[in-house]
Protein backbone atom coordinates (compact mmCIF):
# COMPACT_ATOMS: atom_id res chain seq x y z
CA LEU A 1 -11.76 -7.92 -0.10
CA ALA A 2 -10.41 -11.22 -1.69
CA TYR A 3 -13.84 -12.96 -1.93
CA PRO A 4 -15.08 -13.12 -5.46
CA ILE A 5 -18.49 -11.69 -4.26
CA ASP A 6 -20.86 -8.86 -5.52
CA SER A 7 -19.29 -5.62 -4.72
CA MET A 8 -22.45 -4.12 -3.42
CA LEU A 9 -22.35 -6.92 -0.85
CA LYS A 10 -19.11 -5.93 0.25
CA ARG A 11 -20.40 -2.27 1.03
CA TYR A 12 -23.20 -3.92 3.10
CA VAL A 13 -20.74 -6.07 5.06
CA ALA A 14 -18.51 -3.03 5.49
CA GLU A 15 -21.57 -1.05 6.79
CA SER A 16 -22.66 -3.74 9.25
CA PHE A 17 -18.91 -3.69 10.67
CA ALA A 18 -19.25 0.10 10.84
CA GLU A 19 -22.46 -0.10 12.93
CA MET A 20 -21.23 -2.62 15.31
CA ASP A 21 -17.65 -1.29 15.55
CA GLU A 22 -18.00 1.13 18.49
CA LYS A 23 -20.80 -1.02 20.29
CA THR A 24 -18.43 -4.12 20.14
CA ALA A 25 -15.72 -1.95 21.65
CA ARG A 26 -17.93 -1.49 24.73
CA ILE A 27 -18.86 -4.91 25.50
CA ASP A 28 -17.82 -5.40 29.19
CA PRO A 29 -15.24 -8.23 30.23
CA THR A 30 -18.09 -10.67 30.99
CA GLY A 31 -19.44 -10.19 27.44
CA THR A 32 -22.94 -9.88 28.82
CA LYS A 33 -23.47 -6.12 28.29
CA LEU A 34 -22.56 -2.93 26.81
CA VAL A 35 -20.90 -0.41 28.87
CA GLU A 36 -22.78 2.84 28.74
CA LEU A 37 -21.35 5.52 26.34
CA PRO A 38 -20.42 8.84 28.11
CA PRO A 39 -23.04 11.57 27.24
CA ASP A 40 -20.39 13.92 25.75
CA LEU A 41 -19.50 11.10 23.03
CA PRO A 42 -19.37 10.95 19.97
CA TYR A 43 -17.88 14.48 19.68
CA ASP A 44 -19.79 16.99 17.53
CA PRO A 45 -17.50 17.86 14.49
CA LYS A 46 -19.00 21.28 14.33
CA GLU A 47 -18.55 22.08 18.00
CA LYS A 48 -15.33 24.11 17.61
CA ILE A 49 -15.82 25.31 14.28
CA SER A 50 -16.21 29.03 15.37
CA ASP A 51 -12.64 28.84 17.07
CA TYR A 52 -11.26 27.36 14.02
CA ILE A 53 -12.67 29.87 11.61
CA PHE A 54 -11.17 32.63 13.61
CA GLN A 55 -7.74 30.95 14.19
CA TYR A 56 -7.57 30.00 10.53
CA ARG A 57 -8.36 33.52 9.14
CA SER A 58 -6.81 35.55 11.85
CA LEU A 59 -3.46 33.85 13.04
CA SER A 60 -0.57 33.99 10.81
CA HIS A 61 1.13 31.06 12.47
CA PHE A 62 -1.91 28.85 12.40
CA LYS A 63 -1.17 25.22 11.14
CA ILE A 64 -3.71 22.43 10.25
CA ARG A 65 -2.98 19.71 12.53
CA VAL A 66 -2.99 16.32 10.65
CA ALA A 67 -2.55 13.08 12.41
CA PHE A 68 -2.17 9.55 11.32
CA VAL A 69 -3.35 6.57 13.55
CA ALA A 70 -2.34 2.83 13.01
CA CYS A 71 -1.01 -0.05 14.78
CA GLY A 72 1.33 -0.55 11.92
CA PHE A 73 4.13 1.94 12.76
CA ASN A 74 6.90 -0.96 12.63
CA SER A 75 7.97 -3.18 9.81
CA LYS A 76 4.44 -3.39 8.04
CA ALA A 77 3.72 -2.93 4.42
CA VAL A 78 1.98 0.32 4.72
CA LEU A 79 5.10 2.08 6.49
CA TYR A 80 7.27 0.53 3.92
CA LEU A 81 5.47 2.32 1.18
CA SER A 82 4.54 5.34 2.97
CA HIS A 83 7.02 6.28 5.53
CA ASP A 84 8.73 8.77 3.20
CA MET A 85 5.58 10.90 2.97
CA PHE A 86 6.49 12.41 6.35
CA ARG A 87 9.69 13.94 4.93
CA PHE A 88 7.97 16.03 2.57
CA PHE A 89 4.98 17.86 4.50
CA ASN A 90 5.10 21.62 4.28
CA ARG A 91 5.73 22.36 8.02
CA SER A 92 4.73 26.04 7.75
CA LYS A 93 1.35 25.00 6.91
CA PHE A 94 0.68 21.47 8.61
CA GLU A 95 1.58 20.05 11.99
CA VAL A 96 1.80 16.37 11.54
CA HIS A 97 1.16 13.95 14.52
CA VAL A 98 1.25 10.22 14.48
CA PHE A 99 -0.77 7.98 17.13
CA SER A 100 0.79 4.73 17.11
CA LEU A 101 -1.21 1.66 18.68
CA GLY A 102 1.52 -1.15 17.86
CA ALA A 103 4.82 -2.02 19.32
CA PRO A 104 7.92 -1.41 17.78
CA ASP A 105 10.13 -4.12 16.08
CA ASN A 106 12.56 -5.75 18.60
CA ASP A 107 16.02 -4.57 18.35
CA ASN A 108 17.25 -7.86 17.08
CA PHE A 109 14.68 -7.82 14.21
CA ILE A 110 15.88 -4.26 13.43
CA ASN A 111 19.63 -5.20 13.48
CA VAL A 112 19.49 -8.53 11.80
CA ALA A 113 16.58 -8.92 9.35
CA MET A 114 16.21 -5.10 8.64
CA ARG A 115 20.09 -4.49 8.81
CA GLY A 116 19.58 -1.46 10.98
CA VAL A 117 16.70 0.21 9.05
CA ASP A 118 14.03 1.34 11.46
CA TRP A 119 10.96 2.76 9.70
CA ARG A 120 9.23 3.92 13.01
CA GLN A 121 12.34 5.85 13.99
CA ARG A 122 12.36 7.60 10.52
CA VAL A 123 8.84 8.55 10.94
CA LYS A 124 9.52 9.81 14.38
CA ASP A 125 12.17 11.83 13.03
CA HIS A 126 9.95 13.88 10.64
CA VAL A 127 6.80 14.43 12.54
CA HIS A 128 6.02 16.93 15.00
CA THR A 129 4.89 14.53 17.62
CA PHE A 130 4.80 10.81 17.74
CA HIS A 131 2.49 9.62 20.23
CA ASP A 132 2.94 5.97 21.57
CA VAL A 133 -0.54 5.07 22.66
CA ARG A 134 -0.28 1.24 22.91
CA HIS A 135 -1.63 1.57 26.52
CA LEU A 136 -4.91 2.92 25.04
CA LYS A 137 -5.33 0.49 22.22
CA ASN A 138 -8.16 -1.26 24.07
CA SER A 139 -9.68 1.74 25.38
CA HIS A 140 -11.26 3.61 22.46
CA ILE A 141 -12.93 6.19 24.68
CA GLU A 142 -9.68 7.14 26.41
CA LEU A 143 -8.11 7.18 23.09
CA ALA A 144 -10.47 9.35 21.45
CA ARG A 145 -10.33 11.74 24.53
CA TYR A 146 -6.55 12.02 24.15
CA ILE A 147 -6.72 12.65 20.37
CA ARG A 148 -9.18 15.27 21.15
CA ALA A 149 -6.96 16.97 23.64
CA GLN A 150 -4.44 17.45 21.12
CA ASP A 151 -6.89 19.44 19.04
CA ILE A 152 -6.45 17.39 15.77
CA HIS A 153 -8.18 18.71 12.80
CA ILE A 154 -7.82 15.88 10.39
CA LEU A 155 -7.51 12.23 11.58
CA ILE A 156 -6.20 9.73 8.98
CA GLU A 157 -7.18 6.06 9.24
CA TRP A 158 -4.11 3.77 8.28
CA ASP A 159 -5.74 0.54 9.37
CA GLY A 160 -9.41 0.39 8.30
CA TYR A 161 -10.55 -3.30 8.93
CA ALA A 162 -7.19 -4.71 8.04
CA ARG A 163 -5.87 -5.58 11.32
CA GLN A 164 -8.62 -7.10 13.41
CA GLY A 165 -7.45 -7.51 17.05
CA GLU A 166 -4.74 -4.78 16.82
CA ARG A 167 -6.49 -1.79 15.59
CA ALA A 168 -8.33 0.73 17.57
CA GLN A 169 -11.66 -0.82 17.46
CA GLY A 170 -14.58 1.82 17.85
CA LEU A 171 -12.20 5.07 17.70
CA PHE A 172 -13.51 6.86 14.59
CA ALA A 173 -17.10 6.31 15.54
CA LEU A 174 -16.43 8.73 18.41
CA ARG A 175 -15.54 11.30 16.04
CA PRO A 176 -12.24 12.68 17.74
CA ALA A 177 -11.50 14.98 14.85
CA PRO A 178 -13.81 17.01 12.76
CA ILE A 179 -12.62 15.59 9.48
CA GLN A 180 -11.76 11.88 9.01
CA VAL A 181 -10.13 10.18 6.18
CA LEU A 182 -9.57 6.51 5.05
CA HIS A 183 -6.07 6.21 3.31
CA GLN A 184 -3.87 3.56 1.84
CA GLU A 185 -4.04 0.40 4.10
CA PHE A 186 -7.51 -0.84 3.73
CA LEU A 187 -8.78 -0.52 0.06
CA GLY A 188 -12.47 -0.69 0.29
CA THR A 189 -15.13 1.49 1.75
CA SER A 190 -15.32 1.77 5.69
CA GLY A 191 -19.20 1.57 5.35
CA ALA A 192 -19.15 4.37 7.99
CA GLN A 193 -20.98 7.66 8.06
CA TYR A 194 -18.22 9.02 10.46
CA VAL A 195 -15.42 8.59 7.81
CA ASP A 196 -15.63 11.52 5.39
CA TYR A 197 -13.32 10.87 2.74
CA ILE A 198 -11.49 7.88 0.87
CA VAL A 199 -8.29 8.91 -0.84
CA THR A 200 -8.41 7.22 -4.24
CA ASP A 201 -8.18 8.08 -7.95
CA LYS A 202 -10.64 8.45 -11.02
CA MET A 203 -9.65 5.06 -12.47
CA THR A 204 -9.56 3.13 -9.29
CA SER A 205 -12.85 4.47 -7.93
CA PRO A 206 -14.83 6.03 -10.91
CA MET A 207 -17.85 8.27 -10.29
CA ASN A 208 -20.13 5.53 -11.82
CA LEU A 209 -19.07 3.33 -8.84
CA GLN A 210 -19.69 5.90 -6.06
CA HIS A 211 -22.68 3.81 -4.85
CA LEU A 212 -20.27 1.17 -3.48
CA TYR A 213 -18.62 3.88 -1.10
CA THR A 214 -20.02 5.67 2.16
CA GLU A 215 -17.25 8.05 1.83
CA ALA A 216 -16.70 11.05 -0.55
CA PHE A 217 -13.74 10.70 -2.83
CA MET A 218 -10.59 12.56 -2.51
CA TYR A 219 -9.19 12.15 -5.99
CA MET A 220 -5.43 12.10 -6.24
CA PRO A 221 -3.61 12.59 -9.56
CA ASN A 222 -1.02 10.29 -10.80
CA HIS A 223 -2.37 7.29 -8.73
CA PHE A 224 -3.56 7.24 -5.26
CA PHE A 225 -1.17 5.10 -3.68
CA SER A 226 1.93 6.39 -1.95
CA LYS A 227 4.98 4.36 -2.69
CA GLY A 228 8.59 5.29 -1.59
CA HIS A 229 10.70 2.94 -3.53
CA ALA A 230 12.65 5.74 -5.41
CA MET A 231 13.24 7.51 -2.08
CA GLN A 232 14.96 4.80 -0.06
CA ALA A 233 18.48 4.24 -0.57
CA GLU A 234 17.97 0.54 0.37
CA VAL A 235 15.53 -0.32 -2.50
CA LYS A 236 17.63 -1.31 -5.82
CA SER A 237 16.60 0.47 -8.79
CA PRO A 238 15.89 -1.86 -11.84
CA THR A 239 18.67 -2.42 -14.52
CA TYR A 240 17.83 -2.75 -18.31
CA ASP A 241 20.42 -5.69 -18.42
CA TYR A 242 20.71 -8.63 -16.17
CA GLY A 243 24.01 -9.40 -14.11
CA MET A 244 25.83 -12.43 -14.80
CA ARG A 245 24.35 -15.46 -12.70
CA ILE A 246 26.29 -16.19 -9.70
CA THR A 247 25.58 -18.71 -7.01
CA MET A 248 27.54 -19.04 -3.57
CA THR A 249 28.81 -22.65 -4.84
CA SER A 250 30.48 -20.92 -8.01
CA ILE A 251 32.64 -18.78 -5.62
CA PRO A 252 35.70 -20.91 -4.81
CA GLN A 253 36.21 -19.51 -1.27
CA VAL A 254 32.49 -20.39 -0.39
CA GLN A 255 31.41 -23.94 0.23
CA MET A 256 27.81 -24.58 0.36
CA PRO A 257 25.67 -27.91 0.31
CA GLN A 258 23.53 -26.63 -2.50
CA GLN A 259 23.29 -23.72 -4.81
CA THR A 260 22.44 -20.45 -3.15
CA HIS A 261 21.24 -17.54 -5.29
CA VAL A 262 23.32 -14.28 -5.25
CA LEU A 263 20.95 -11.42 -5.44
CA GLY A 264 21.07 -9.03 -8.62
CA THR A 265 22.31 -11.92 -10.80
CA GLY A 266 21.10 -13.94 -13.51
CA THR A 267 17.87 -13.78 -15.58
CA PRO A 268 14.47 -15.14 -14.42
CA GLN A 269 14.85 -18.06 -16.98
CA GLU A 270 18.41 -18.98 -15.55
CA ASN A 271 17.24 -18.58 -11.96
CA ARG A 272 14.46 -20.98 -12.54
CA CYS A 273 12.62 -19.90 -9.43
CA LEU A 274 15.26 -21.75 -7.41
CA SER A 275 14.10 -24.96 -8.80
CA SER A 276 16.14 -27.94 -9.61
CA GLU A 277 17.20 -28.10 -13.42
CA ASP A 278 15.91 -31.65 -13.46
CA VAL A 279 12.42 -30.54 -12.62
CA GLY A 280 10.32 -28.80 -15.42
CA PRO A 281 11.61 -27.51 -18.80
CA THR A 282 15.46 -28.00 -19.48
CA ASP A 283 15.49 -24.68 -21.12
CA VAL A 284 13.01 -22.16 -19.47
CA SER A 285 11.39 -19.60 -21.99
CA PHE A 286 9.65 -17.18 -19.63
CA VAL A 287 8.95 -16.92 -15.99
CA PHE A 288 5.48 -15.75 -14.73
CA CYS A 289 5.14 -14.77 -11.16
CA ASN A 290 2.64 -13.94 -8.31
CA PHE A 291 4.26 -12.97 -4.87
CA ASN A 292 0.66 -12.40 -3.26
CA LYS A 293 -0.66 -14.61 -0.16
CA PHE A 294 -2.46 -17.49 -1.60
CA LEU A 295 -5.62 -16.11 -0.03
CA LYS A 296 -5.82 -13.45 -2.97
CA ASN A 297 -6.15 -16.39 -5.68
CA ASN A 298 -9.34 -17.82 -6.23
CA PRO A 299 -10.19 -21.00 -8.54
CA GLU A 300 -10.90 -18.75 -11.74
CA THR A 301 -7.47 -16.93 -11.22
CA VAL A 302 -5.56 -20.32 -10.78
CA GLN A 303 -7.06 -21.87 -13.64
CA SER A 304 -6.46 -18.81 -15.88
CA TRP A 305 -2.67 -19.14 -14.88
CA MET A 306 -2.65 -22.82 -16.20
CA ASN A 307 -4.12 -21.86 -19.35
CA ILE A 308 -1.34 -19.42 -19.82
CA LEU A 309 1.26 -21.74 -18.83
CA ARG A 310 -0.22 -24.32 -21.44
CA SER A 311 0.06 -21.62 -24.08
CA VAL A 312 3.54 -20.51 -23.40
CA PRO A 313 5.91 -23.74 -24.01
CA ASP A 314 8.50 -24.16 -21.28
CA SER A 315 7.59 -21.44 -19.13
CA LEU A 316 7.17 -21.39 -15.50
CA LEU A 317 5.04 -19.83 -12.72
CA CYS A 318 6.99 -18.60 -9.91
CA LEU A 319 4.96 -18.16 -6.37
CA LEU A 320 5.78 -17.12 -2.84
CA GLU A 321 5.42 -19.74 -0.06
CA ASN A 322 2.90 -17.85 1.63
CA PRO A 323 1.94 -19.95 3.47
CA ARG A 324 4.09 -23.01 2.89
CA GLU A 325 1.35 -25.08 4.42
CA GLY A 326 -0.96 -24.21 1.43
CA ILE A 327 1.29 -25.72 -1.12
CA PRO A 328 0.12 -29.32 -1.05
CA ASN A 329 -3.32 -28.18 -1.13
CA LEU A 330 -2.50 -25.99 -4.27
CA ARG A 331 -0.71 -28.64 -6.00
CA ALA A 332 -3.57 -31.05 -5.38
CA TYR A 333 -6.02 -28.63 -6.73
CA ILE A 334 -4.13 -28.24 -10.05
CA HIS A 335 -3.81 -31.60 -10.39
CA ASP A 336 -7.62 -32.10 -9.90
CA MET A 337 -8.38 -29.34 -12.14
CA ALA A 338 -6.05 -30.85 -15.01
CA ARG A 339 -7.41 -34.29 -14.97
CA ASP A 340 -9.68 -33.99 -18.20
CA ARG A 341 -6.39 -33.05 -20.09
CA HIS A 342 -4.05 -35.36 -18.14
CA ASP A 343 -1.27 -32.71 -17.73
CA GLY A 344 -1.48 -32.05 -13.90
CA ASP A 345 1.93 -33.61 -13.56
CA ASP A 346 3.29 -31.32 -16.27
CA LEU A 347 1.82 -28.31 -14.90
CA ASN A 348 2.96 -28.85 -11.37
CA SER A 349 6.47 -29.43 -12.45
CA ARG A 350 6.40 -25.86 -13.83
CA ILE A 351 5.22 -24.23 -10.59
CA HIS A 352 7.77 -23.36 -7.98
CA PHE A 353 7.92 -21.65 -4.75
CA LEU A 354 10.41 -18.97 -3.25
CA PRO A 355 10.85 -19.13 0.50
CA TRP A 356 9.66 -16.15 2.49
CA GLU A 357 12.31 -13.41 2.71
CA ALA A 358 12.27 -11.10 5.87
CA ASN A 359 14.28 -8.42 4.53
CA PRO A 360 12.01 -6.20 2.40
CA PHE A 361 14.72 -4.87 0.23
CA ASP A 362 16.17 -8.34 -0.59
CA HIS A 363 12.70 -9.46 -1.34
CA GLN A 364 12.06 -6.49 -3.74
CA MET A 365 15.20 -7.19 -5.66
CA ARG A 366 14.04 -10.84 -6.22
CA ASN A 367 11.45 -9.51 -8.66
CA GLN A 368 14.12 -8.68 -11.28
CA ASP A 369 15.85 -11.96 -10.65
CA PHE A 370 13.11 -14.26 -10.74
CA CYS A 371 10.16 -12.65 -12.56
CA ASN A 372 9.54 -11.53 -16.33
CA LEU A 373 5.70 -10.74 -15.81
CA VAL A 374 3.38 -10.59 -12.87
CA LEU A 375 0.11 -12.43 -13.24
CA ASP A 376 -2.17 -10.02 -11.05
CA SER A 377 -4.59 -11.47 -8.63
CA HIS A 378 -8.38 -10.55 -9.08
CA PRO A 379 -10.37 -9.39 -7.34
CA TYR A 380 -7.67 -8.41 -4.76
CA ASN A 381 -4.81 -7.19 -6.54
CA GLY A 382 -1.19 -7.26 -5.50
CA HIS A 383 -0.77 -3.86 -3.65
CA THR A 384 2.73 -3.67 -1.94
CA THR A 385 3.86 -6.58 -4.01
CA ALA A 386 2.63 -4.80 -7.12
CA GLN A 387 4.92 -1.83 -6.28
CA ASP A 388 7.84 -4.08 -5.50
CA ALA A 389 7.62 -5.54 -9.06
CA LEU A 390 7.01 -2.63 -10.93
CA TYR A 391 9.99 -0.93 -9.41
CA GLY A 392 11.96 -4.18 -10.21
CA GLY A 393 11.23 -3.48 -13.83
CA VAL A 394 8.56 -6.39 -13.95
CA PRO A 395 5.39 -5.31 -15.90
CA ILE A 396 2.02 -6.56 -14.58
CA VAL A 397 -0.81 -7.84 -16.48
CA THR A 398 -4.08 -7.28 -14.52
CA ARG A 399 -7.85 -7.77 -14.83
CA SER A 400 -9.73 -4.45 -15.19
CA ASP A 401 -13.29 -5.69 -15.16
CA GLY A 402 -13.94 -5.54 -11.50
CA ASP A 403 -15.57 -2.90 -9.55
CA ASP A 404 -13.93 -3.27 -6.19
CA MET A 405 -11.29 -0.71 -5.18
CA SER A 406 -9.02 -3.51 -4.41
CA SER A 407 -9.34 -4.99 -7.87
CA ARG A 408 -8.40 -1.68 -9.81
CA VAL A 409 -5.20 -0.47 -8.26
CA SER A 410 -2.85 -2.19 -10.88
CA THR A 411 -5.24 -0.89 -13.62
CA SER A 412 -4.70 2.71 -12.49
CA ALA A 413 -0.98 2.09 -12.07
CA ASN A 414 -0.46 0.67 -15.50
CA ILE A 415 -2.48 3.79 -16.88
CA VAL A 416 -0.05 6.35 -15.01
CA LEU A 417 2.89 4.36 -16.17
CA GLY A 418 1.82 4.36 -19.95
CA LEU A 419 1.24 0.63 -19.94
CA GLU A 420 -2.58 0.46 -20.74
CA ASP A 421 -2.15 -2.28 -22.95
CA LEU A 422 -1.61 -4.50 -20.04
CA ASN A 423 -4.91 -3.92 -18.60
CA ALA A 424 -7.50 -6.63 -19.51
CA TYR A 425 -10.85 -4.75 -19.64
CA ALA A 426 -12.73 -7.38 -21.28
CA GLY A 427 -11.99 -9.83 -18.36
CA VAL A 428 -10.26 -13.09 -17.93
CA GLU A 429 -9.79 -14.15 -21.50
CA GLU A 430 -8.18 -11.00 -22.38
CA TYR A 431 -5.92 -11.30 -19.44
CA GLU A 432 -4.77 -14.61 -20.68
CA ARG A 433 -4.13 -13.15 -24.24
CA ILE A 434 -2.16 -10.24 -23.04
CA ALA A 435 -0.03 -12.59 -20.88
CA ILE A 436 0.51 -14.99 -23.67
CA LYS A 437 1.50 -12.42 -26.01
CA LEU A 438 4.17 -11.09 -23.45
CA GLY A 439 5.39 -14.52 -22.97
CA THR A 440 5.88 -15.40 -26.64
CA ASP A 441 6.66 -12.11 -28.20
CA GLY A 442 10.18 -11.20 -27.08
CA ASP A 443 10.34 -7.94 -29.02
CA TYR A 444 6.93 -6.82 -27.57
CA TYR A 445 7.99 -7.80 -24.16
CA ASP A 446 11.27 -5.99 -24.34
CA LYS A 447 9.67 -2.69 -25.24
CA VAL A 448 7.07 -2.91 -22.52
CA ARG A 449 9.74 -3.74 -19.98
CA THR A 450 12.21 -0.97 -21.15
CA LYS A 451 9.26 1.55 -20.80
CA LEU A 452 8.61 0.39 -17.20
CA ILE A 453 12.35 0.69 -16.26
CA ASP A 454 12.39 4.21 -17.85
CA SER A 455 9.94 5.39 -15.34
CA CYS A 456 11.93 4.01 -12.38
CA VAL A 457 15.18 5.51 -13.40
CA GLN A 458 13.72 8.83 -14.77
CA LYS A 459 15.34 12.14 -12.90
CA ASN A 460 14.96 15.75 -13.45
CA PRO A 461 12.00 15.42 -12.96
CA MET A 462 10.96 12.20 -11.51
CA HIS A 463 8.27 10.09 -13.09
CA PRO A 464 4.95 11.19 -11.29
CA TYR A 465 4.25 7.56 -10.52
CA TRP A 466 7.41 7.40 -8.20
CA ASP A 467 7.67 11.01 -7.03
CA VAL A 468 7.00 11.24 -3.48
CA PRO A 469 7.39 15.00 -2.79
CA ARG A 470 4.96 15.54 -5.70
CA TYR A 471 2.44 13.05 -4.09
CA VAL A 472 2.69 14.83 -0.63
CA ARG A 473 2.01 18.29 -2.30
CA ASN A 474 -1.12 17.03 -3.85
CA PHE A 475 -2.16 15.10 -0.70
CA GLN A 476 -1.79 18.50 1.09
CA SER A 477 -3.94 20.31 -1.55
CA GLY A 478 -6.47 17.50 -0.85
CA LEU A 479 -6.42 18.12 3.00
CA LEU A 480 -6.55 21.87 2.57
CA ILE A 481 -9.64 21.81 0.30
CA ALA A 482 -11.41 19.27 2.97
CA TRP A 483 -10.50 21.86 5.60
CA GLU A 484 -11.64 25.08 3.90
CA ARG A 485 -14.83 23.28 3.03
CA TYR A 486 -15.63 22.29 6.42
CA LEU A 487 -15.12 25.86 7.77
CA ASP A 488 -17.11 27.29 4.88
CA GLY A 489 -19.86 24.73 5.12
CA THR A 490 -19.42 23.64 1.61
CA ASP A 491 -18.42 20.24 2.40
CA VAL A 492 -21.75 18.78 1.78
CA VAL A 493 -24.49 18.66 -0.61
CA TYR A 494 -28.22 18.26 -0.26
CA GLY A 495 -30.23 15.86 -2.38
CA SER A 496 -33.47 13.63 -2.45
CA SER A 497 -31.37 10.82 -0.71
CA GLY A 498 -30.11 13.24 2.05
CA VAL A 499 -26.92 14.96 2.86
CA LYS A 500 -23.61 13.78 1.43
CA LYS A 501 -20.16 14.78 1.49
CA LYS A 502 -18.84 16.53 -1.74
CA HIS A 503 -16.26 14.75 -3.48
CA ILE A 504 -12.72 16.27 -3.81
CA GLU A 505 -10.74 16.39 -7.06
CA ILE A 506 -7.00 17.64 -6.58
CA ILE A 507 -5.73 19.51 -9.58
CA GLU A 508 -2.06 19.91 -9.65
CA ASP A 509 -0.63 23.33 -9.53
CA ALA A 510 2.26 24.48 -11.50
CA THR A 511 4.86 23.57 -9.02
CA SER A 512 3.38 19.98 -8.69
CA ARG A 513 3.30 19.51 -12.41
CA LYS A 514 6.86 20.67 -12.67
CA GLY A 515 7.82 17.50 -10.60
CA THR A 516 10.78 16.80 -8.27
CA TYR A 517 14.31 17.36 -9.36
CA GLU A 518 17.58 16.05 -7.70
CA ASP A 519 18.30 19.55 -6.50
CA ASP A 520 15.01 19.64 -4.84
CA LEU A 521 15.71 16.43 -3.13
CA VAL A 522 19.09 17.81 -1.93
CA ARG A 523 17.31 20.79 -0.45
CA TRP A 524 14.70 18.59 1.35
CA ASN A 525 17.41 16.51 2.74
CA GLU A 526 19.45 19.21 4.12
CA MET A 527 16.11 20.72 5.80
CA ASN A 528 15.26 17.43 7.28
CA GLU A 529 18.67 16.95 8.60
CA LYS A 530 18.68 20.36 10.32
CA MET A 531 15.05 19.52 11.87
CA ILE A 532 16.35 16.35 13.13
CA GLN A 533 19.17 17.86 14.79
CA VAL A 534 17.00 20.40 16.46
CA LYS A 535 14.73 17.67 17.69
CA LYS A 536 17.69 15.47 19.27
CA SER A 537 18.96 18.54 20.97
CA ARG A 538 15.60 19.28 22.45
CA GLU A 539 15.07 15.63 23.58
CA GLN A 540 18.57 15.78 25.33
CA GLN A 541 17.78 18.98 26.97
CA ARG A 542 14.34 17.21 28.15
CA GLY A 543 16.41 14.32 29.42
CA ARG A 544 18.81 16.51 30.93
CA TYR A 545 16.44 18.91 32.94
CA GLY A 546 13.17 17.33 32.56
CA GLU A 547 9.92 18.49 30.83
CA LEU A 548 9.96 22.37 30.80
């Protein structure tokens, strides 16, 4: 996704992966031949449709069984963003399952790095059944049979091609569920005819770019990304004012060999990306930042950042050591790139790096402390890092001239947040102009930042961008449409190019448009707490008397 290559070529690469994915999973241990696929596989998605039609239309207690499959049900980015979704499903209409292929985090990591927060357990608490299927990760045939035995109606892929070596390779090609959906983690087409829908939105994946996808679109309103920042007590809401700068060495009782930053204090200019005051400008005017992995940033992007630094006197660029080993190479590249202007040393003195922070909540807080403005990556935007920045009250300027799904995430976000002026539709030069204006026009910057923070702290109702219950209601609507079209046989269209899945556009109903109020959250929390207590009681009984 990070390579700046033609978007159609990326689809062809994905199609190649999809074609080989299941076959590769059947290579025998010697690597010399393919194991034969059993004759009943892949499953026919229409095989049980008559039963489903009867059940759905005749049984009052019928529920659509939705399942999420991933290896990342632990402290991974997808769960950070999305584990709150499971709190808000309508359990009278949906029965939610999870098939987890990855190991849980070890207790020491949970207790120390995560300070007791266990996202995997939170998911377990809020789903009907959490299936720990690690033992089937390398046996896609047995895993497909197991999922099929649970009679799952809609299977949602949360890995895509993002976790080679960890994901359940070849699973979706065997069609363990009649409807299969790509959501959240891998932001590009699967290239697979066996994945029916990709969850997206109209700006991220406009209709004029549908040729880049093999899936039908499931269009979400208010941005397609699930993000739970406003739901999590551990995530600090942004503040309009910065706290007074405090370092550990400024506290008399604490003796440290060097200054150590105290989270939630100081402005980005004062905190200087933790750099020494004798390196770079004496008085920092503005701090640009990007906390993505280095692999997301190509030469054109880095060159544009240098142009921005040159045009905003005394500004800094704050990056993340990700990875630390890449820093010398990046500095060498910048020095070489600047040789004609002989300012490589000056530029490098204004670029600094924050160390990796294992705790995601502390890392998120660092956005407000160290960043005035995010310079987004292209063509692979910041995704989790972008949501962290936005909920830290840090605006994002992004290029909006790309076709890739992964390049249009921030563009769509800015539109929903009312910050479309930060989208550079004309490309890299406009991207630089927007960033320079924000870095040099304090009044304009303050208005943009205030508008963003307004969205984060908005209550009664919540802003639609941060409203997870509203997101889940809309997501459920999309799944229901997909299910009913499947039963009715209206999920496909016939044309000169063959049979294609119909796109789904989710239109918010009156309840969803109303948004979520604080009273609604109180009711949800009460219902969830009762459900958790019932589940714990049943688990205790099973432990006491065995499976009944």
